[in-house]
Each structure stands twice: as structure tokens, then as C-alpha cells.
Amino acid sequence: MKKNLLQISLFLILIERCKQYIIDKKQQVFIVIDSGTTLYYFMEKLSTELAKYKRDSTDNADWINKISIISNNLPGIQIAIDKGALYPKNRFSPPTFECIVLPGTAMSLYAAITGKETDSKLQSLRKINKDNLFIGLTVGNWIRIRNTMPACPLPMARGEGHLSFKQVLTDNCDEIYILSPLGKIFIKKDLKTINSALFPQYQKDKEIGYEELVINNNEAEKVKLVSTVRTDENKILFMHSGRLKDALDCVDNKCELDINTFSNTDIKTLPHILFEYDRNYEYPYSEEIAELPHLQTRDKKFKEEFFSIPQKKNLNMF
């Protein structure tokens, strides 16, 4: 029975995609996971589900043995070890999957390991396992949709080692999924314009701004956005949601596919993944805080220019 993609969490879809690949290709899958709170929770869910799948399977789910997680995410690694144990309450339990911790310098700001050693190790693992599938998951402080075709998301980041690892991950993975909330995505804007709006001093000091991934036309086809859309026209990001779908060519429900199609579709023809999300809020202002968590993005002009929120939609507290 086919299920709508929007009704299934990403980690379940990804597991099914890995399973299909391993069974069909008889090869290993390496899932490379970046740092960040969003990906910490993804690692928790992914590890929990893989262990549950292994325990509940009637055929031992031997294909799971061919999944390896590679990460520089310090808290994510710990949760993956805990939740990925075949028997979570037994400290001597064997792991469900291999977890590879990248070496390097621990950075408290990102709760991650970064640096030249980190990047080099990932490149080395890719070279050694060149015939296997590498799937990358990453995030950005912000996301800019590439203005040239094929359109794809470009993570923006700043800080020592932060963007470098994302670039190495992107360059060395066969398919990349970039996770982002809708209110952190910029459409039809260039990097300079975004930095100028976010940082009043940017014109005088370029170093305070964000940098972004470099993705060429060939690589763009393997990079997919995972985000949300609004179907309720009363939601403040409804218009922004529509512009995102247009920019990614996701009109006519093109990004709503069933799990079987997702599992078997080549990454180059796979559409971006947009989940419907129309949460209800008790107060209008609560919606604005949730959708636009950064204070500077709630400025009237900023909301209108970057998120297509008409100034008439300025919200009162109650």
C-alpha cells in the first residue's frame, strides 16, 4: 500500500531508501551527519528506529549491518550510541549499526568536531569506499535558494571550520539533504543583500557576514531541500511558501510522492521534499515568534522583503 510522503517522517523515508539500495546494489551506505541541534534530534530518531526495526524484524534485517553513520556531531554521536543499541537498557548490548566518529578539534560553540583533520578523514573514508553510497545531511544558519538553474538550497554559515566541513560533506556525498525550517529560507536574493540586511555593519566589515556553499550545476542535482510548506492562506508564511515551491519547481504537488517512489528514484530526478505544516497557535503573535525566531527578521520591512509578509499582517500580542 502506498503512503503519502507528507505522512511519514524523513528518517523513516531515508531508512527505506537505504534498505532498497543495500538490497538492490549489495553495497554499503554511509550516512554523513553534520552538527546542529536539528540533526541531533534526527540522529536520535534515526538510531531509535534502526534499533527497533532490527529487534522487530522477522528476517533479522541483515541489511542494517551495511549502514554506517559518520558524524562530527558530539551530542548526536552520544545519542546515536545510546539509542542505536540493540537492547537499549543493556549497557553490554551490541550496536545496531557502525558509528564512525570523525577526529579533529572539539568546538564548544557548535558542539562539534571541526578542522582540517576532520575534513581530511571524511575525504579519506570516501576514497576508501568509493563504490559505496554516501548520503549527507546538513543544515545552515540560513538557507539561500540558488538563483540559477537547477535551483537548490545553499546553506549559509560562519565561524572557524563550520562551512568547511559542510563543503567537504557536499563534495564527497552522492546525495545531500539540507534540512531547514521555512522561516530560515531566502528566495531570489543574493548573499550580499542578505548579509546587508542581517548585519548593519556588513558594508564596513565583510568578515562579520555569512558565507555559503559552492555548488556547481552538476552538483546541484544531488542536493535536495527538506522543509515545510503552508497550505492555509491565513498563515503568515503562506505566500513565502508558494514562492519556495515555484523556485524549486514543486508546483502541482510535485514534491508530494509516495514512499515507494522515493525509495527507487535516482537522486538527480528526485524532487525536493516539502512537508505540509499548518500548526495552529493560540495567539497570532505566537505564530510570528515560532516562524521567525530571530528578532531582526520580525522588522516590518524585513518581513515584507524577505518573507512576503504584507505589512498589513503586522500582528498584535493578542
C-alpha atoms as a PDB file:
ATOM      1  CA  MET A   1       0.000   0.000   0.000  1.00  0.00           C
ATOM      2  CA  LYS A   2       1.368   3.411  -0.962  1.00  0.00           C
ATOM      3  CA  LYS A   3       1.678   6.091   1.678  1.00  0.00           C
ATOM      4  CA  ASN A   4       1.847   9.822   1.186  1.00  0.00           C
ATOM      5  CA  LEU A   5       5.322  11.200   1.838  1.00  0.00           C
ATOM      6  CA  LEU A   6       3.879  14.010   3.936  1.00  0.00           C
ATOM      7  CA  GLN A   7       2.544  11.499   6.450  1.00  0.00           C
ATOM      8  CA  ILE A   8       5.918   9.900   7.112  1.00  0.00           C
ATOM      9  CA  SER A   9       8.898  11.362   8.935  1.00  0.00           C
ATOM     10  CA  LEU A  10      12.063  11.911   6.951  1.00  0.00           C
ATOM     11  CA  PHE A  11      14.097   9.414   8.931  1.00  0.00           C
ATOM     12  CA  LEU A  12      11.637   6.628   8.067  1.00  0.00           C
ATOM     13  CA  ILE A  13      11.784   7.535   4.399  1.00  0.00           C
ATOM     14  CA  LEU A  14      15.570   7.622   4.479  1.00  0.00           C
ATOM     15  CA  ILE A  15      15.726   4.191   6.118  1.00  0.00           C
ATOM     16  CA  GLU A  16      13.543   2.764   3.363  1.00  0.00           C
ATOM     17  CA  ARG A  17      15.774   4.356   0.723  1.00  0.00           C
ATOM     18  CA  CYS A  18      18.889   2.851   2.335  1.00  0.00           C
ATOM     19  CA  LYS A  19      17.240  -0.552   2.607  1.00  0.00           C
ATOM     20  CA  GLN A  20      16.273  -0.565  -1.057  1.00  0.00           C
ATOM     21  CA  TYR A  21      19.746   0.471  -2.152  1.00  0.00           C
ATOM     22  CA  ILE A  22      21.531  -2.131   0.003  1.00  0.00           C
ATOM     23  CA  ILE A  23      19.257  -4.959  -1.149  1.00  0.00           C
ATOM     24  CA  ASP A  24      19.465  -3.992  -4.831  1.00  0.00           C
ATOM     25  CA  LYS A  25      23.148  -2.981  -5.041  1.00  0.00           C
ATOM     26  CA  LYS A  26      24.609  -5.263  -2.364  1.00  0.00           C
ATOM     27  CA  GLN A  27      26.689  -2.307  -1.202  1.00  0.00           C
ATOM     28  CA  GLN A  28      27.148  -0.339   1.998  1.00  0.00           C
ATOM     29  CA  VAL A  29      25.545   3.003   2.841  1.00  0.00           C
ATOM     30  CA  PHE A  30      27.382   5.681   4.794  1.00  0.00           C
ATOM     31  CA  ILE A  31      25.147   8.395   6.293  1.00  0.00           C
ATOM     32  CA  VAL A  32      27.250  11.503   6.988  1.00  0.00           C
ATOM     33  CA  ILE A  33      25.561  13.754   9.549  1.00  0.00           C
ATOM     34  CA  ASP A  34      26.627  17.331  10.275  1.00  0.00           C
ATOM     35  CA  SER A  35      26.496  19.191  13.595  1.00  0.00           C
ATOM     36  CA  GLY A  36      23.488  21.162  14.835  1.00  0.00           C
ATOM     37  CA  THR A  37      20.505  20.735  17.134  1.00  0.00           C
ATOM     38  CA  THR A  38      18.193  19.774  14.276  1.00  0.00           C
ATOM     39  CA  LEU A  39      20.470  16.922  13.266  1.00  0.00           C
ATOM     40  CA  TYR A  40      20.939  15.840  16.884  1.00  0.00           C
ATOM     41  CA  TYR A  41      17.231  15.052  17.068  1.00  0.00           C
ATOM     42  CA  PHE A  42      17.391  13.443  13.632  1.00  0.00           C
ATOM     43  CA  MET A  43      20.181  11.133  14.860  1.00  0.00           C
ATOM     44  CA  GLU A  44      18.103  10.240  17.890  1.00  0.00           C
ATOM     45  CA  LYS A  45      15.086   9.291  15.767  1.00  0.00           C
ATOM     46  CA  LEU A  46      17.141   7.500  13.126  1.00  0.00           C
ATOM     47  CA  SER A  47      19.065   5.430  15.684  1.00  0.00           C
ATOM     48  CA  THR A  48      15.931   4.552  17.641  1.00  0.00           C
ATOM     49  CA  GLU A  49      14.098   3.417  14.517  1.00  0.00           C
ATOM     50  CA  LEU A  50      17.004   1.342  13.176  1.00  0.00           C
ATOM     51  CA  ALA A  51      17.311  -0.489  16.514  1.00  0.00           C
ATOM     52  CA  LYS A  52      13.547  -1.028  16.680  1.00  0.00           C
ATOM     53  CA  TYR A  53      13.497  -2.257  13.085  1.00  0.00           C
ATOM     54  CA  LYS A  54      16.251  -4.768  13.884  1.00  0.00           C
ATOM     55  CA  ARG A  55      14.529  -6.033  17.059  1.00  0.00           C
ATOM     56  CA  ASP A  56      11.080  -6.373  15.492  1.00  0.00           C
ATOM     57  CA  SER A  57      12.174  -7.837  12.165  1.00  0.00           C
ATOM     58  CA  THR A  58      11.270 -11.445  11.396  1.00  0.00           C
ATOM     59  CA  ASP A  59      14.210 -11.836   8.987  1.00  0.00           C
ATOM     60  CA  ASN A  60      16.939 -10.281  11.203  1.00  0.00           C
ATOM     61  CA  ALA A  61      17.104  -7.233   8.889  1.00  0.00           C
ATOM     62  CA  ASP A  62      20.676  -8.059   7.910  1.00  0.00           C
ATOM     63  CA  TRP A  63      20.712  -5.084   5.525  1.00  0.00           C
ATOM     64  CA  ILE A  64      21.009  -2.786   8.576  1.00  0.00           C
ATOM     65  CA  ASN A  65      24.502  -4.205   9.130  1.00  0.00           C
ATOM     66  CA  LYS A  66      25.540  -2.371   5.973  1.00  0.00           C
ATOM     67  CA  ILE A  67      24.586   1.065   7.340  1.00  0.00           C
ATOM     68  CA  SER A  68      27.284   3.201   8.921  1.00  0.00           C
ATOM     69  CA  ILE A  69      26.793   6.637  10.451  1.00  0.00           C
ATOM     70  CA  ILE A  70      29.675   9.112  10.164  1.00  0.00           C
ATOM     71  CA  SER A  71      29.418  12.320  12.189  1.00  0.00           C
ATOM     72  CA  ASN A  72      31.190  15.252  13.818  1.00  0.00           C
ATOM     73  CA  ASN A  73      28.109  15.989  15.953  1.00  0.00           C
ATOM     74  CA  LEU A  74      29.260  15.425  19.552  1.00  0.00           C
ATOM     75  CA  PRO A  75      25.874  15.134  21.329  1.00  0.00           C
ATOM     76  CA  GLY A  76      24.464  13.380  18.266  1.00  0.00           C
ATOM     77  CA  ILE A  77      27.142  10.689  18.448  1.00  0.00           C
ATOM     78  CA  GLN A  78      26.306  10.008  22.086  1.00  0.00           C
ATOM     79  CA  ILE A  79      22.582   9.729  21.442  1.00  0.00           C
ATOM     80  CA  ALA A  80      23.222   7.502  18.413  1.00  0.00           C
ATOM     81  CA  ILE A  81      25.280   5.142  20.564  1.00  0.00           C
ATOM     82  CA  ASP A  82      22.613   5.067  23.295  1.00  0.00           C
ATOM     83  CA  LYS A  83      19.539   4.730  21.095  1.00  0.00           C
ATOM     84  CA  GLY A  84      21.267   2.564  18.496  1.00  0.00           C
ATOM     85  CA  ALA A  85      21.969  -0.255  20.918  1.00  0.00           C
ATOM     86  CA  LEU A  86      20.070  -3.392  20.002  1.00  0.00           C
ATOM     87  CA  TYR A  87      18.879  -3.650  23.623  1.00  0.00           C
ATOM     88  CA  PRO A  88      18.913  -0.070  24.975  1.00  0.00           C
ATOM     89  CA  LYS A  89      18.642  -0.969  28.670  1.00  0.00           C
ATOM     90  CA  ASN A  90      21.618  -3.335  28.489  1.00  0.00           C
ATOM     91  CA  ARG A  91      24.939  -1.490  28.630  1.00  0.00           C
ATOM     92  CA  PHE A  92      26.664  -4.523  27.068  1.00  0.00           C
ATOM     93  CA  SER A  93      24.262  -4.615  24.141  1.00  0.00           C
ATOM     94  CA  PRO A  94      25.793  -4.846  20.666  1.00  0.00           C
ATOM     95  CA  PRO A  95      25.208  -1.808  18.415  1.00  0.00           C
ATOM     96  CA  THR A  96      22.662  -1.975  15.614  1.00  0.00           C
ATOM     97  CA  PHE A  97      24.936  -0.139  13.193  1.00  0.00           C
ATOM     98  CA  GLU A  98      28.500   1.148  12.939  1.00  0.00           C
ATOM     99  CA  CYS A  99      29.082   4.692  14.225  1.00  0.00           C
ATOM    100  CA  ILE A 100      32.243   6.426  12.984  1.00  0.00           C
ATOM    101  CA  VAL A 101      33.399   9.473  14.955  1.00  0.00           C
ATOM    102  CA  LEU A 102      35.435  11.939  12.926  1.00  0.00           C
ATOM    103  CA  PRO A 103      38.678  13.222  14.514  1.00  0.00           C
ATOM    104  CA  GLY A 104      39.576  16.870  14.907  1.00  0.00           C
ATOM    105  CA  THR A 105      39.165  19.811  17.245  1.00  0.00           C
ATOM    106  CA  ALA A 106      36.145  19.950  19.542  1.00  0.00           C
ATOM    107  CA  MET A 107      34.368  23.309  19.210  1.00  0.00           C
ATOM    108  CA  SER A 108      32.038  24.161  22.098  1.00  0.00           C
ATOM    109  CA  LEU A 109      30.188  26.781  20.031  1.00  0.00           C
ATOM    110  CA  TYR A 110      28.929  24.130  17.597  1.00  0.00           C
ATOM    111  CA  ALA A 111      29.106  21.127  19.977  1.00  0.00           C
ATOM    112  CA  ALA A 112      31.013  19.567  17.110  1.00  0.00           C
ATOM    113  CA  ILE A 113      34.383  18.401  15.867  1.00  0.00           C
ATOM    114  CA  THR A 114      35.880  20.508  13.074  1.00  0.00           C
ATOM    115  CA  GLY A 115      39.177  21.305  11.409  1.00  0.00           C
ATOM    116  CA  LYS A 116      41.495  20.067   8.690  1.00  0.00           C
ATOM    117  CA  GLU A 117      41.820  16.635  10.312  1.00  0.00           C
ATOM    118  CA  THR A 118      38.029  16.270  10.323  1.00  0.00           C
ATOM    119  CA  ASP A 119      37.718  17.204   6.662  1.00  0.00           C
ATOM    120  CA  SER A 120      40.650  15.013   5.659  1.00  0.00           C
ATOM    121  CA  LYS A 121      39.239  11.950   7.414  1.00  0.00           C
ATOM    122  CA  LEU A 122      35.902  12.251   5.655  1.00  0.00           C
ATOM    123  CA  GLN A 123      37.661  12.610   2.310  1.00  0.00           C
ATOM    124  CA  SER A 124      39.741   9.527   3.120  1.00  0.00           C
ATOM    125  CA  LEU A 125      36.676   7.455   4.049  1.00  0.00           C
ATOM    126  CA  ARG A 126      35.057   8.443   0.767  1.00  0.00           C
ATOM    127  CA  LYS A 127      38.154   7.453  -1.198  1.00  0.00           C
ATOM    128  CA  ILE A 128      38.415   4.072   0.507  1.00  0.00           C
ATOM    129  CA  ASN A 129      34.697   3.383  -0.037  1.00  0.00           C
ATOM    130  CA  LYS A 130      34.356   4.946  -3.469  1.00  0.00           C
ATOM    131  CA  ASP A 131      31.949   2.245  -4.735  1.00  0.00           C
ATOM    132  CA  ASN A 132      29.504   2.613  -1.838  1.00  0.00           C
ATOM    133  CA  LEU A 133      26.731   5.167  -1.339  1.00  0.00           C
ATOM    134  CA  PHE A 134      27.383   8.277   0.762  1.00  0.00           C
ATOM    135  CA  ILE A 135      24.312  10.210   1.946  1.00  0.00           C
ATOM    136  CA  GLY A 136      24.891  13.580   3.578  1.00  0.00           C
ATOM    137  CA  LEU A 137      22.613  15.505   5.929  1.00  0.00           C
ATOM    138  CA  THR A 138      23.425  19.083   6.795  1.00  0.00           C
ATOM    139  CA  VAL A 139      21.877  22.374   7.884  1.00  0.00           C
ATOM    140  CA  GLY A 140      22.730  26.064   7.763  1.00  0.00           C
ATOM    141  CA  ASN A 141      22.273  29.108   9.956  1.00  0.00           C
ATOM    142  CA  TRP A 142      20.218  30.277   6.984  1.00  0.00           C
ATOM    143  CA  ILE A 143      19.460  28.830   3.571  1.00  0.00           C
ATOM    144  CA  ARG A 144      19.551  30.683   0.260  1.00  0.00           C
ATOM    145  CA  ILE A 145      17.894  29.158  -2.779  1.00  0.00           C
ATOM    146  CA  ARG A 146      20.308  29.173  -5.692  1.00  0.00           C
ATOM    147  CA  ASN A 147      19.159  31.728  -8.274  1.00  0.00           C
ATOM    148  CA  THR A 148      20.446  29.787 -11.280  1.00  0.00           C
ATOM    149  CA  MET A 149      19.044  26.542 -12.598  1.00  0.00           C
ATOM    150  CA  PRO A 150      18.902  23.878 -11.449  1.00  0.00           C
ATOM    151  CA  ALA A 151      17.715  25.518  -8.239  1.00  0.00           C
ATOM    152  CA  CYS A 152      18.922  24.047  -4.969  1.00  0.00           C
ATOM    153  CA  PRO A 153      19.422  25.130  -1.345  1.00  0.00           C
ATOM    154  CA  LEU A 154      22.723  26.730  -0.322  1.00  0.00           C
ATOM    155  CA  PRO A 155      23.475  26.551   3.428  1.00  0.00           C
ATOM    156  CA  MET A 156      24.932  29.743   4.894  1.00  0.00           C
ATOM    157  CA  ALA A 157      27.335  29.615   7.831  1.00  0.00           C
ATOM    158  CA  ARG A 158      30.174  31.468   9.538  1.00  0.00           C
ATOM    159  CA  GLY A 159      32.815  30.621  12.092  1.00  0.00           C
ATOM    160  CA  GLU A 160      36.019  28.607  12.004  1.00  0.00           C
ATOM    161  CA  GLY A 161      35.678  25.173  10.388  1.00  0.00           C
ATOM    162  CA  HIS A 162      31.894  25.360  10.209  1.00  0.00           C
ATOM    163  CA  LEU A 163      31.380  25.937   6.495  1.00  0.00           C
ATOM    164  CA  SER A 164      34.466  23.959   5.527  1.00  0.00           C
ATOM    165  CA  PHE A 165      33.016  20.692   6.828  1.00  0.00           C
ATOM    166  CA  LYS A 166      29.707  21.329   5.083  1.00  0.00           C
ATOM    167  CA  GLN A 167      31.591  21.863   1.830  1.00  0.00           C
ATOM    168  CA  VAL A 168      33.604  18.664   2.215  1.00  0.00           C
ATOM    169  CA  LEU A 169      30.418  16.766   3.101  1.00  0.00           C
ATOM    170  CA  THR A 170      28.703  18.100  -0.020  1.00  0.00           C
ATOM    171  CA  ASP A 171      31.665  17.405  -2.286  1.00  0.00           C
ATOM    172  CA  ASN A 172      32.061  13.815  -1.082  1.00  0.00           C
ATOM    173  CA  CYS A 173      28.465  12.610  -0.807  1.00  0.00           C
ATOM    174  CA  ASP A 174      26.399  11.142  -3.632  1.00  0.00           C
ATOM    175  CA  GLU A 175      23.202  12.736  -2.364  1.00  0.00           C
ATOM    176  CA  ILE A 176      22.692  15.551   0.125  1.00  0.00           C
ATOM    177  CA  TYR A 177      19.609  16.523   2.103  1.00  0.00           C
ATOM    178  CA  ILE A 178      19.554  20.009   3.624  1.00  0.00           C
ATOM    179  CA  LEU A 179      17.070  20.435   6.469  1.00  0.00           C
ATOM    180  CA  SER A 180      15.630  23.852   7.247  1.00  0.00           C
ATOM    181  CA  PRO A 181      12.533  25.496   8.724  1.00  0.00           C
ATOM    182  CA  LEU A 182      10.640  27.634   6.211  1.00  0.00           C
ATOM    183  CA  GLY A 183      11.390  30.878   8.102  1.00  0.00           C
ATOM    184  CA  LYS A 184      15.135  30.492   7.529  1.00  0.00           C
ATOM    185  CA  ILE A 185      14.981  30.247   3.736  1.00  0.00           C
ATOM    186  CA  PHE A 186      15.708  33.185   1.433  1.00  0.00           C
ATOM    187  CA  ILE A 187      14.346  33.168  -2.127  1.00  0.00           C
ATOM    188  CA  LYS A 188      15.534  35.238  -5.112  1.00  0.00           C
ATOM    189  CA  LYS A 189      18.102  37.090  -3.001  1.00  0.00           C
ATOM    190  CA  ASP A 190      21.874  37.242  -3.371  1.00  0.00           C
ATOM    191  CA  LEU A 191      24.264  36.671  -0.487  1.00  0.00           C
ATOM    192  CA  LYS A 192      25.372  40.312  -0.267  1.00  0.00           C
ATOM    193  CA  THR A 193      21.786  41.560   0.045  1.00  0.00           C
ATOM    194  CA  ILE A 194      21.042  39.047   2.804  1.00  0.00           C
ATOM    195  CA  ASN A 195      24.191  39.885   4.772  1.00  0.00           C
ATOM    196  CA  SER A 196      23.488  43.605   4.484  1.00  0.00           C
ATOM    197  CA  ALA A 197      20.002  43.096   5.898  1.00  0.00           C
ATOM    198  CA  LEU A 198      21.147  40.850   8.748  1.00  0.00           C
ATOM    199  CA  PHE A 199      24.222  42.889   9.753  1.00  0.00           C
ATOM    200  CA  PRO A 200      24.069  46.722   9.873  1.00  0.00           C
ATOM    201  CA  GLN A 201      27.898  46.872   9.835  1.00  0.00           C
ATOM    202  CA  TYR A 202      28.335  44.469   6.931  1.00  0.00           C
ATOM    203  CA  GLN A 203      29.261  47.116   4.346  1.00  0.00           C
ATOM    204  CA  LYS A 204      32.182  48.236   6.535  1.00  0.00           C
ATOM    205  CA  ASP A 205      33.211  44.791   7.791  1.00  0.00           C
ATOM    206  CA  LYS A 206      32.635  41.917   5.360  1.00  0.00           C
ATOM    207  CA  GLU A 207      34.079  39.382   7.809  1.00  0.00           C
ATOM    208  CA  ILE A 208      31.015  39.514  10.058  1.00  0.00           C
ATOM    209  CA  GLY A 209      28.761  38.160   7.318  1.00  0.00           C
ATOM    210  CA  TYR A 210      27.836  34.644   6.308  1.00  0.00           C
ATOM    211  CA  GLU A 211      29.469  32.579   3.602  1.00  0.00           C
ATOM    212  CA  GLU A 212      27.714  29.853   1.652  1.00  0.00           C
ATOM    213  CA  LEU A 213      28.417  26.528  -0.001  1.00  0.00           C
ATOM    214  CA  VAL A 214      29.776  26.480  -3.521  1.00  0.00           C
ATOM    215  CA  ILE A 215      27.614  24.150  -5.614  1.00  0.00           C
ATOM    216  CA  ASN A 216      28.013  23.986  -9.384  1.00  0.00           C
ATOM    217  CA  ASN A 217      25.388  22.970 -11.939  1.00  0.00           C
ATOM    218  CA  ASN A 218      26.312  19.283 -11.893  1.00  0.00           C
ATOM    219  CA  GLU A 219      26.314  19.068  -8.093  1.00  0.00           C
ATOM    220  CA  ALA A 220      23.032  20.983  -7.744  1.00  0.00           C
ATOM    221  CA  GLU A 221      21.051  17.973  -8.950  1.00  0.00           C
ATOM    222  CA  LYS A 222      22.174  15.860  -5.992  1.00  0.00           C
ATOM    223  CA  VAL A 223      21.271  18.491  -3.346  1.00  0.00           C
ATOM    224  CA  LYS A 224      17.690  18.399  -2.045  1.00  0.00           C
ATOM    225  CA  LEU A 225      15.892  20.683   0.378  1.00  0.00           C
ATOM    226  CA  VAL A 226      13.833  19.175   3.201  1.00  0.00           C
ATOM    227  CA  SER A 227      11.455  21.778   4.583  1.00  0.00           C
ATOM    228  CA  THR A 228       7.787  22.630   5.066  1.00  0.00           C
ATOM    229  CA  VAL A 229       5.029  24.470   3.232  1.00  0.00           C
ATOM    230  CA  ARG A 230       1.850  26.208   4.329  1.00  0.00           C
ATOM    231  CA  THR A 231      -1.495  25.366   2.740  1.00  0.00           C
ATOM    232  CA  ASP A 232      -3.610  27.665   4.922  1.00  0.00           C
ATOM    233  CA  GLU A 233      -3.734  31.119   3.307  1.00  0.00           C
ATOM    234  CA  ASN A 234      -4.150  32.690   6.759  1.00  0.00           C
ATOM    235  CA  LYS A 235      -0.670  31.584   7.824  1.00  0.00           C
ATOM    236  CA  ILE A 236       1.913  34.367   7.731  1.00  0.00           C
ATOM    237  CA  LEU A 237       4.330  32.313   5.612  1.00  0.00           C
ATOM    238  CA  PHE A 238       1.697  31.165   3.127  1.00  0.00           C
ATOM    239  CA  MET A 239       2.926  33.451   0.321  1.00  0.00           C
ATOM    240  CA  HIS A 240       6.561  32.689   1.104  1.00  0.00           C
ATOM    241  CA  SER A 241       5.689  29.012   0.939  1.00  0.00           C
ATOM    242  CA  GLY A 242       4.235  29.439  -2.543  1.00  0.00           C
ATOM    243  CA  ARG A 243       7.324  31.303  -3.735  1.00  0.00           C
ATOM    244  CA  LEU A 244       9.517  28.485  -2.429  1.00  0.00           C
ATOM    245  CA  LYS A 245       7.525  25.882  -4.343  1.00  0.00           C
ATOM    246  CA  ASP A 246       7.796  27.961  -7.503  1.00  0.00           C
ATOM    247  CA  ALA A 247      11.542  28.432  -7.061  1.00  0.00           C
ATOM    248  CA  LEU A 248      12.078  24.695  -6.632  1.00  0.00           C
ATOM    249  CA  ASP A 249       9.595  23.726  -9.349  1.00  0.00           C
ATOM    250  CA  CYS A 250       7.410  21.987  -6.782  1.00  0.00           C
ATOM    251  CA  VAL A 251       4.058  23.120  -8.136  1.00  0.00           C
ATOM    252  CA  ASP A 252       1.229  20.662  -8.823  1.00  0.00           C
ATOM    253  CA  ASN A 253       2.212  18.562  -5.804  1.00  0.00           C
ATOM    254  CA  LYS A 254       5.458  17.525  -7.480  1.00  0.00           C
ATOM    255  CA  CYS A 255       7.138  17.274  -4.082  1.00  0.00           C
ATOM    256  CA  GLU A 256       4.446  15.005  -2.675  1.00  0.00           C
ATOM    257  CA  LEU A 257       5.426  11.468  -3.690  1.00  0.00           C
ATOM    258  CA  ASP A 258       4.763   8.095  -2.163  1.00  0.00           C
ATOM    259  CA  ILE A 259       7.418   6.223  -0.198  1.00  0.00           C
ATOM    260  CA  ASN A 260       7.939   3.575  -2.873  1.00  0.00           C
ATOM    261  CA  THR A 261       8.695   6.217  -5.493  1.00  0.00           C
ATOM    262  CA  PHE A 262      11.085   7.958  -3.119  1.00  0.00           C
ATOM    263  CA  SER A 263      12.941   4.728  -2.408  1.00  0.00           C
ATOM    264  CA  ASN A 264      13.544   3.959  -6.057  1.00  0.00           C
ATOM    265  CA  THR A 265      14.042   7.384  -7.663  1.00  0.00           C
ATOM    266  CA  ASP A 266      17.500   8.483  -8.769  1.00  0.00           C
ATOM    267  CA  ILE A 267      18.746  11.479  -6.794  1.00  0.00           C
ATOM    268  CA  LYS A 268      19.054  13.614  -9.933  1.00  0.00           C
ATOM    269  CA  THR A 269      15.349  13.316 -10.709  1.00  0.00           C
ATOM    270  CA  LEU A 270      14.147  13.163  -7.114  1.00  0.00           C
ATOM    271  CA  PRO A 271      12.189  16.329  -6.230  1.00  0.00           C
ATOM    272  CA  HIS A 272      12.789  18.400  -3.135  1.00  0.00           C
ATOM    273  CA  ILE A 273      10.891  17.222  -0.051  1.00  0.00           C
ATOM    274  CA  LEU A 274       8.307  19.616   1.390  1.00  0.00           C
ATOM    275  CA  PHE A 275       6.058  18.569   4.249  1.00  0.00           C
ATOM    276  CA  GLU A 276       2.726  20.259   4.931  1.00  0.00           C
ATOM    277  CA  TYR A 277       2.793  22.080   8.252  1.00  0.00           C
ATOM    278  CA  ASP A 278      -0.161  24.227   9.314  1.00  0.00           C
ATOM    279  CA  ARG A 279       0.141  24.363  13.088  1.00  0.00           C
ATOM    280  CA  ASN A 280      -2.492  26.331  14.968  1.00  0.00           C
ATOM    281  CA  TYR A 281      -1.433  28.970  17.503  1.00  0.00           C
ATOM    282  CA  GLU A 282      -3.349  30.365  20.462  1.00  0.00           C
ATOM    283  CA  TYR A 283      -2.294  33.928  19.677  1.00  0.00           C
ATOM    284  CA  PRO A 284      -1.292  35.493  16.321  1.00  0.00           C
ATOM    285  CA  TYR A 285       1.962  36.809  17.758  1.00  0.00           C
ATOM    286  CA  SER A 286       2.885  33.289  18.883  1.00  0.00           C
ATOM    287  CA  GLU A 287       2.918  32.258  15.238  1.00  0.00           C
ATOM    288  CA  GLU A 288       5.314  35.069  14.336  1.00  0.00           C
ATOM    289  CA  ILE A 289       7.735  34.139  17.116  1.00  0.00           C
ATOM    290  CA  ALA A 290       7.663  30.484  16.080  1.00  0.00           C
ATOM    291  CA  GLU A 291       8.013  31.121  12.349  1.00  0.00           C
ATOM    292  CA  LEU A 292      10.570  33.944  12.668  1.00  0.00           C
ATOM    293  CA  PRO A 293      12.612  33.141  15.803  1.00  0.00           C
ATOM    294  CA  HIS A 294      15.312  35.727  15.062  1.00  0.00           C
ATOM    295  CA  LEU A 295      14.349  39.199  16.300  1.00  0.00           C
ATOM    296  CA  GLN A 296      15.827  41.128  13.358  1.00  0.00           C
ATOM    297  CA  THR A 297      13.677  39.177  10.890  1.00  0.00           C
ATOM    298  CA  ARG A 298      10.493  40.461  12.546  1.00  0.00           C
ATOM    299  CA  ASP A 299      11.120  44.005  11.362  1.00  0.00           C
ATOM    300  CA  LYS A 300       8.220  45.205   9.183  1.00  0.00           C
ATOM    301  CA  LYS A 301      10.306  45.902   6.101  1.00  0.00           C
ATOM    302  CA  PHE A 302      12.400  42.753   6.532  1.00  0.00           C
ATOM    303  CA  LYS A 303       9.298  40.559   6.762  1.00  0.00           C
ATOM    304  CA  GLU A 304       7.827  42.064   3.632  1.00  0.00           C
ATOM    305  CA  GLU A 305      11.006  41.991   1.542  1.00  0.00           C
ATOM    306  CA  PHE A 306      12.361  38.592   2.535  1.00  0.00           C
ATOM    307  CA  PHE A 307       9.309  36.577   3.597  1.00  0.00           C
ATOM    308  CA  SER A 308       6.485  38.150   1.565  1.00  0.00           C
ATOM    309  CA  ILE A 309       4.540  39.086   4.689  1.00  0.00           C
ATOM    310  CA  PRO A 310       2.455  42.215   3.885  1.00  0.00           C
ATOM    311  CA  GLN A 311       2.790  44.994   6.423  1.00  0.00           C
ATOM    312  CA  LYS A 312      -0.965  44.840   6.959  1.00  0.00           C
ATOM    313  CA  LYS A 313      -0.287  41.487   8.607  1.00  0.00           C
ATOM    314  CA  ASN A 314       1.706  43.063  11.428  1.00  0.00           C
ATOM    315  CA  LEU A 315       0.468  41.275  14.497  1.00  0.00           C
ATOM    316  CA  ASN A 316      -0.661  42.369  17.936  1.00  0.00           C
ATOM    317  CA  MET A 317       0.237  40.406  21.034  1.00  0.00           C
ATOM    318  CA  PHE A 318      -3.350  39.144  21.440  1.00  0.00           C
END
